[in-house]
Amino acid sequence: MNTIDLHVHSVCSDGTFTPAQLVEYARQKGLRAFALTDHDTISGLAEAFLAARNDSGTSVSSLEVIAGIEFSTEYLGRDVHIVGLDMDYRTPAFLAEVTRRQEERVHRNQKIFAKMAADGIAISEEQMRAEFGDTIWTRAHIARYLAEHGYVPSMQDAFLTHVGDHCKYFVPREKSSPEQTAAFIRQNHGIPILAHPFQYRLGEDGLNTLVHSLKASGLIGIEAIYSCHSQEQERYIRQLCRRLGLCISGGSDFHGTNKPDIDLGTGMGGLQIPYEVLEKLRNARQR
């Protein structure tokens, strides 16, 4: 019982488990720790921390819940995600920045809906709210709506043809850069991590350029151990981290039934992230 998962989503963004359900499932899976890293929100943290404690206020079993968030940023017209771990999320400055980013996401979604409406795709804030409530809507929510209402065969098709990077209805983030975000997480005593580095299709040179820039802004680690990484990709990120003096991180990117092939803690079956990964990330923050 010494494995962890540092990239997990709940219903507070685009997952299908409540924070409390994640805590119970993590216990069932025998995890030592997991980080709740919902998109641009920390609204699930209180529930997760409460669920991990008993009536006396002490931890039930040895499960550790780690405060986290996954910030979306804009880089060369692409969405690039920076995970923050262990940050001081209660400060007024942090809360104000999260609110600003949520408002930015709302404005972006409005632009996506308008572009779709111009082509006869009936989707609105009212319809999204009826389907998904007032959670943080991501492109995954829009993809699910399109699939469930017959506009595309599946969520995967929606990303391939409608809302993926460089698709017709994609709208990039307007203000926040990865570098600004990494620096902001460090300013709030957190650990900034570049999430799923190969999803951005930057190529080797492009990825190296981004990582060098992020390191100068306070980046501590990169997700090397990740559900969708091949052995070759994991090895490449490990080597990149060694070369630049960064730490590796790891996470399943668990979303419940929204990503049915990915399980908490084990990803597609072979994922294994030792607790020492978290220890090294925390130690690096002190340097």
Protein backbone atom coordinates (compact mmCIF):
# COMPACT_ATOMS: atom_id res chain seq x y z
CA MET A 1 0.00 0.00 0.00
CA ASN A 2 2.55 2.54 -1.14
CA THR A 3 1.16 3.74 -4.46
CA ILE A 4 -0.41 7.09 -5.25
CA ASP A 5 -2.26 8.98 -7.98
CA LEU A 6 -1.49 12.66 -8.55
CA HIS A 7 -4.03 13.43 -11.29
CA VAL A 8 -7.69 12.71 -10.47
CA HIS A 9 -11.00 14.40 -11.38
CA SER A 10 -14.41 14.53 -9.70
CA VAL A 11 -17.88 15.73 -10.62
CA CYS A 12 -16.72 19.22 -9.68
CA SER A 13 -15.19 19.34 -13.16
CA ASP A 14 -15.47 16.55 -15.73
CA GLY A 15 -15.31 13.37 -13.64
CA THR A 16 -18.24 11.18 -12.61
CA PHE A 17 -17.31 10.38 -8.97
CA THR A 18 -18.06 12.78 -6.14
CA PRO A 19 -15.02 13.72 -4.03
CA ALA A 20 -16.31 11.48 -1.21
CA GLN A 21 -16.75 8.59 -3.63
CA LEU A 22 -13.18 9.09 -4.81
CA VAL A 23 -11.95 8.81 -1.22
CA GLU A 24 -13.85 5.56 -0.72
CA TYR A 25 -12.67 4.17 -4.04
CA ALA A 26 -9.07 5.12 -3.28
CA ARG A 27 -9.35 3.17 -0.04
CA GLN A 28 -10.75 0.18 -1.92
CA LYS A 29 -7.87 0.39 -4.37
CA GLY A 30 -5.36 0.48 -1.52
CA LEU A 31 -3.84 3.83 -2.46
CA ARG A 32 -1.69 5.65 0.06
CA ALA A 33 -2.51 9.07 -1.43
CA PHE A 34 -4.30 10.81 -4.28
CA ALA A 35 -4.52 14.40 -5.46
CA LEU A 36 -7.88 15.87 -6.45
CA THR A 37 -6.99 18.00 -9.49
CA ASP A 38 -10.23 19.28 -10.96
CA HIS A 39 -10.11 21.75 -13.84
CA ASP A 40 -9.83 25.37 -12.67
CA THR A 41 -11.65 24.64 -9.41
CA ILE A 42 -10.96 23.62 -5.83
CA SER A 43 -14.64 23.23 -4.93
CA GLY A 44 -14.31 19.50 -4.23
CA LEU A 45 -11.43 19.69 -1.79
CA ALA A 46 -13.46 20.31 1.38
CA GLU A 47 -15.65 17.26 0.71
CA ALA A 48 -12.63 15.09 -0.06
CA PHE A 49 -10.78 16.12 3.09
CA LEU A 50 -13.90 15.60 5.20
CA ALA A 51 -14.47 12.14 3.73
CA ALA A 52 -10.90 11.15 4.56
CA ARG A 53 -11.42 11.86 8.28
CA ASN A 54 -13.49 10.23 10.99
CA ASP A 55 -15.57 11.88 13.71
CA SER A 56 -12.50 12.59 15.85
CA GLY A 57 -10.90 14.52 13.01
CA THR A 58 -8.10 12.06 12.46
CA SER A 59 -7.33 10.27 9.22
CA VAL A 60 -9.24 7.09 8.54
CA SER A 61 -6.62 4.52 7.47
CA SER A 62 -3.44 5.93 5.99
CA LEU A 63 -5.06 7.52 2.92
CA GLU A 64 -3.75 11.03 2.25
CA VAL A 65 -5.77 13.49 0.19
CA ILE A 66 -3.61 16.10 -1.53
CA ALA A 67 -4.92 19.52 -2.49
CA GLY A 68 -4.64 19.95 -6.23
CA ILE A 69 -5.97 21.73 -9.28
CA GLU A 70 -5.48 21.47 -13.05
CA PHE A 71 -5.16 24.89 -14.64
CA SER A 72 -5.84 25.32 -18.36
CA THR A 73 -3.57 27.76 -20.18
CA GLU A 74 -2.96 28.96 -23.73
CA TYR A 75 0.27 28.20 -25.57
CA LEU A 76 0.73 28.60 -29.34
CA GLY A 77 -3.02 28.28 -29.87
CA ARG A 78 -3.20 25.06 -27.83
CA ASP A 79 -4.57 24.16 -24.42
CA VAL A 80 -1.65 23.31 -22.13
CA HIS A 81 -2.47 22.06 -18.65
CA ILE A 82 -0.49 22.78 -15.51
CA VAL A 83 -1.30 20.73 -12.42
CA GLY A 84 -0.77 22.37 -9.05
CA LEU A 85 -0.18 20.17 -6.00
CA ASP A 86 0.01 20.90 -2.28
CA MET A 87 -0.59 24.63 -2.76
CA ASP A 88 -1.98 27.04 -0.19
CA TYR A 89 -5.40 27.27 -1.78
CA ARG A 90 -7.13 29.26 0.97
CA THR A 91 -5.38 32.61 0.44
CA PRO A 92 -7.43 35.50 -0.99
CA ALA A 93 -4.98 35.79 -3.88
CA PHE A 94 -5.36 32.16 -4.85
CA LEU A 95 -9.15 32.21 -4.56
CA ALA A 96 -9.35 35.40 -6.63
CA GLU A 97 -7.22 33.87 -9.39
CA VAL A 98 -9.34 30.71 -9.49
CA THR A 99 -12.47 32.87 -9.82
CA ARG A 100 -10.89 34.85 -12.65
CA ARG A 101 -9.98 31.70 -14.52
CA GLN A 102 -13.47 30.29 -14.07
CA GLU A 103 -14.94 33.47 -15.54
CA GLU A 104 -12.50 33.19 -18.44
CA ARG A 105 -13.68 29.62 -19.02
CA VAL A 106 -17.32 30.80 -19.05
CA HIS A 107 -16.49 33.41 -21.70
CA ARG A 108 -14.67 30.80 -23.77
CA ASN A 109 -17.60 28.39 -23.58
CA GLN A 110 -19.95 31.16 -24.70
CA LYS A 111 -17.80 31.70 -27.79
CA ILE A 112 -17.83 27.96 -28.56
CA PHE A 113 -21.62 27.83 -28.21
CA ALA A 114 -21.99 30.86 -30.51
CA LYS A 115 -19.79 29.30 -33.20
CA MET A 116 -21.79 26.09 -33.03
CA ALA A 117 -25.11 27.93 -33.11
CA ALA A 118 -24.06 29.63 -36.35
CA ASP A 119 -23.84 26.16 -37.91
CA GLY A 120 -27.15 24.98 -36.52
CA ILE A 121 -25.80 23.05 -33.53
CA ALA A 122 -28.29 23.79 -30.77
CA ILE A 123 -26.30 24.12 -27.56
CA SER A 124 -26.63 26.85 -24.97
CA GLU A 125 -25.72 27.60 -21.38
CA GLU A 126 -29.28 26.78 -20.35
CA GLN A 127 -29.12 23.38 -22.04
CA MET A 128 -25.70 22.63 -20.55
CA ARG A 129 -26.92 23.62 -17.09
CA ALA A 130 -29.92 21.32 -17.44
CA GLU A 131 -27.60 18.43 -18.34
CA PHE A 132 -24.61 19.06 -16.06
CA GLY A 133 -25.62 21.56 -13.41
CA ASP A 134 -23.41 24.45 -12.34
CA THR A 135 -20.12 22.57 -12.30
CA ILE A 136 -17.04 23.73 -14.24
CA TRP A 137 -17.84 22.90 -17.86
CA THR A 138 -14.92 21.66 -19.88
CA ARG A 139 -14.66 20.60 -23.51
CA ALA A 140 -15.40 17.09 -22.26
CA HIS A 141 -18.86 18.26 -21.15
CA ILE A 142 -19.48 19.80 -24.56
CA ALA A 143 -18.25 16.61 -26.25
CA ARG A 144 -20.59 14.50 -24.12
CA TYR A 145 -23.51 16.78 -24.96
CA LEU A 146 -22.77 16.51 -28.69
CA ALA A 147 -22.54 12.72 -28.47
CA GLU A 148 -25.66 12.25 -26.36
CA HIS A 149 -27.70 14.50 -28.67
CA GLY A 150 -26.65 12.79 -31.86
CA TYR A 151 -24.34 15.39 -33.37
CA VAL A 152 -21.38 12.99 -33.29
CA PRO A 153 -21.09 9.22 -32.72
CA SER A 154 -18.97 9.53 -29.56
CA MET A 155 -17.09 11.90 -27.28
CA GLN A 156 -13.88 10.89 -29.03
CA ASP A 157 -15.37 11.91 -32.37
CA ALA A 158 -16.39 15.24 -30.87
CA PHE A 159 -12.78 15.96 -29.99
CA LEU A 160 -11.58 14.82 -33.39
CA THR A 161 -14.04 16.90 -35.40
CA HIS A 162 -15.51 19.67 -33.22
CA VAL A 163 -13.77 20.79 -30.03
CA GLY A 164 -10.22 19.41 -30.21
CA ASP A 165 -7.27 21.74 -30.68
CA HIS A 166 -7.45 23.34 -34.15
CA CYS A 167 -10.96 21.97 -34.85
CA LYS A 168 -13.59 24.31 -36.23
CA TYR A 169 -15.19 25.13 -32.88
CA PHE A 170 -12.04 25.23 -30.77
CA VAL A 171 -11.48 28.51 -28.95
CA PRO A 172 -8.09 29.02 -27.25
CA ARG A 173 -7.69 30.44 -23.80
CA GLU A 174 -7.26 34.19 -23.90
CA LYS A 175 -4.99 35.30 -21.06
CA SER A 176 -3.18 32.75 -18.93
CA SER A 177 0.14 31.36 -20.11
CA PRO A 178 1.77 28.16 -18.79
CA GLU A 179 4.70 30.21 -17.46
CA GLN A 180 2.44 32.61 -15.54
CA THR A 181 0.57 29.66 -14.12
CA ALA A 182 3.66 27.79 -12.96
CA ALA A 183 4.93 30.95 -11.27
CA PHE A 184 1.55 31.53 -9.62
CA ILE A 185 1.49 28.02 -8.16
CA ARG A 186 5.00 28.49 -6.75
CA GLN A 187 3.99 31.85 -5.27
CA ASN A 188 1.29 29.97 -3.36
CA HIS A 189 3.78 27.38 -2.08
CA GLY A 190 2.58 24.70 -4.49
CA ILE A 191 4.22 22.24 -6.85
CA PRO A 192 3.64 23.03 -10.55
CA ILE A 193 3.60 20.03 -12.89
CA LEU A 194 3.35 19.94 -16.69
CA ALA A 195 0.48 17.52 -17.32
CA HIS A 196 0.39 14.86 -20.09
CA PRO A 197 3.19 16.49 -22.14
CA PHE A 198 2.61 14.54 -25.37
CA GLN A 199 -1.02 15.58 -25.76
CA TYR A 200 0.02 18.98 -27.09
CA ARG A 201 1.75 17.54 -30.18
CA LEU A 202 4.58 20.04 -29.96
CA GLY A 203 7.27 17.69 -31.26
CA GLU A 204 10.59 17.11 -29.49
CA ASP A 205 11.97 20.60 -30.11
CA GLY A 206 8.71 22.32 -29.21
CA LEU A 207 8.33 20.35 -26.00
CA ASN A 208 11.90 21.11 -24.99
CA THR A 209 11.34 24.81 -25.63
CA LEU A 210 8.19 24.81 -23.48
CA VAL A 211 9.83 22.88 -20.64
CA HIS A 212 12.89 25.16 -20.57
CA SER A 213 10.61 28.19 -20.38
CA LEU A 214 8.50 26.60 -17.65
CA LYS A 215 11.54 25.66 -15.59
CA ALA A 216 12.62 29.29 -15.59
CA SER A 217 9.14 30.13 -14.25
CA GLY A 218 9.29 27.62 -11.39
CA LEU A 219 8.22 24.28 -12.86
CA ILE A 220 9.11 21.40 -10.52
CA GLY A 221 7.99 18.33 -12.44
CA ILE A 222 6.52 16.69 -15.53
CA GLU A 223 4.06 13.80 -15.72
CA ALA A 224 6.19 10.89 -16.85
CA ILE A 225 4.06 8.07 -15.42
CA TYR A 226 0.73 8.58 -17.18
CA SER A 227 -2.06 6.30 -18.35
CA CYS A 228 -1.62 6.97 -22.07
CA HIS A 229 2.18 7.00 -22.19
CA SER A 230 4.09 4.28 -23.94
CA GLN A 231 7.24 2.94 -22.29
CA GLU A 232 9.25 4.97 -24.78
CA GLN A 233 7.38 8.17 -23.91
CA GLU A 234 7.80 7.60 -20.17
CA ARG A 235 11.50 6.95 -20.66
CA TYR A 236 11.87 10.15 -22.71
CA ILE A 237 10.25 12.29 -20.00
CA ARG A 238 12.37 10.67 -17.30
CA GLN A 239 15.50 11.48 -19.30
CA LEU A 240 14.30 15.04 -19.95
CA CYS A 241 13.70 15.55 -16.23
CA ARG A 242 17.13 14.21 -15.33
CA ARG A 243 18.77 16.45 -17.90
CA LEU A 244 17.03 19.59 -16.63
CA GLY A 245 17.04 18.81 -12.92
CA LEU A 246 13.26 18.37 -12.74
CA CYS A 247 11.24 15.70 -10.93
CA ILE A 248 8.88 13.21 -12.48
CA SER A 249 5.24 13.12 -11.50
CA GLY A 250 2.54 10.62 -12.27
CA GLY A 251 -1.21 10.27 -12.46
CA SER A 252 -3.97 8.26 -14.08
CA ASP A 253 -6.10 11.27 -15.15
CA PHE A 254 -9.06 9.33 -13.76
CA HIS A 255 -12.47 10.67 -14.83
CA GLY A 256 -14.75 7.76 -13.88
CA THR A 257 -17.06 6.65 -16.68
CA ASN A 258 -16.06 9.64 -18.82
CA LYS A 259 -12.80 7.77 -19.46
CA PRO A 260 -13.91 4.16 -18.90
CA ASP A 261 -10.57 2.61 -19.90
CA ILE A 262 -8.69 4.49 -17.17
CA ASP A 263 -8.92 3.37 -13.55
CA LEU A 264 -7.92 5.17 -10.40
CA GLY A 265 -4.33 4.46 -9.44
CA THR A 266 -3.70 1.90 -12.15
CA GLY A 267 -4.65 3.74 -15.35
CA MET A 268 -5.04 1.19 -18.14
CA GLY A 269 -3.84 -1.57 -15.86
CA GLY A 270 -0.10 -1.17 -15.59
CA LEU A 271 0.24 2.22 -13.92
CA GLN A 272 2.16 2.24 -10.64
CA ILE A 273 3.30 5.44 -8.98
CA PRO A 274 5.32 4.99 -5.77
CA TYR A 275 4.89 7.38 -2.84
CA GLU A 276 8.51 8.44 -3.20
CA VAL A 277 7.49 10.39 -6.33
CA LEU A 278 5.48 12.72 -4.09
CA GLU A 279 8.27 12.89 -1.52
CA LYS A 280 10.78 13.97 -4.17
CA LEU A 281 8.40 16.61 -5.52
CA ARG A 282 7.93 18.02 -2.01
CA ASN A 283 11.65 18.01 -1.34
CA ALA A 284 12.33 19.82 -4.63
CA ARG A 285 9.91 22.56 -3.65
CA GLN A 286 12.18 23.40 -0.70
CA ARG A 287 15.24 23.97 -2.87
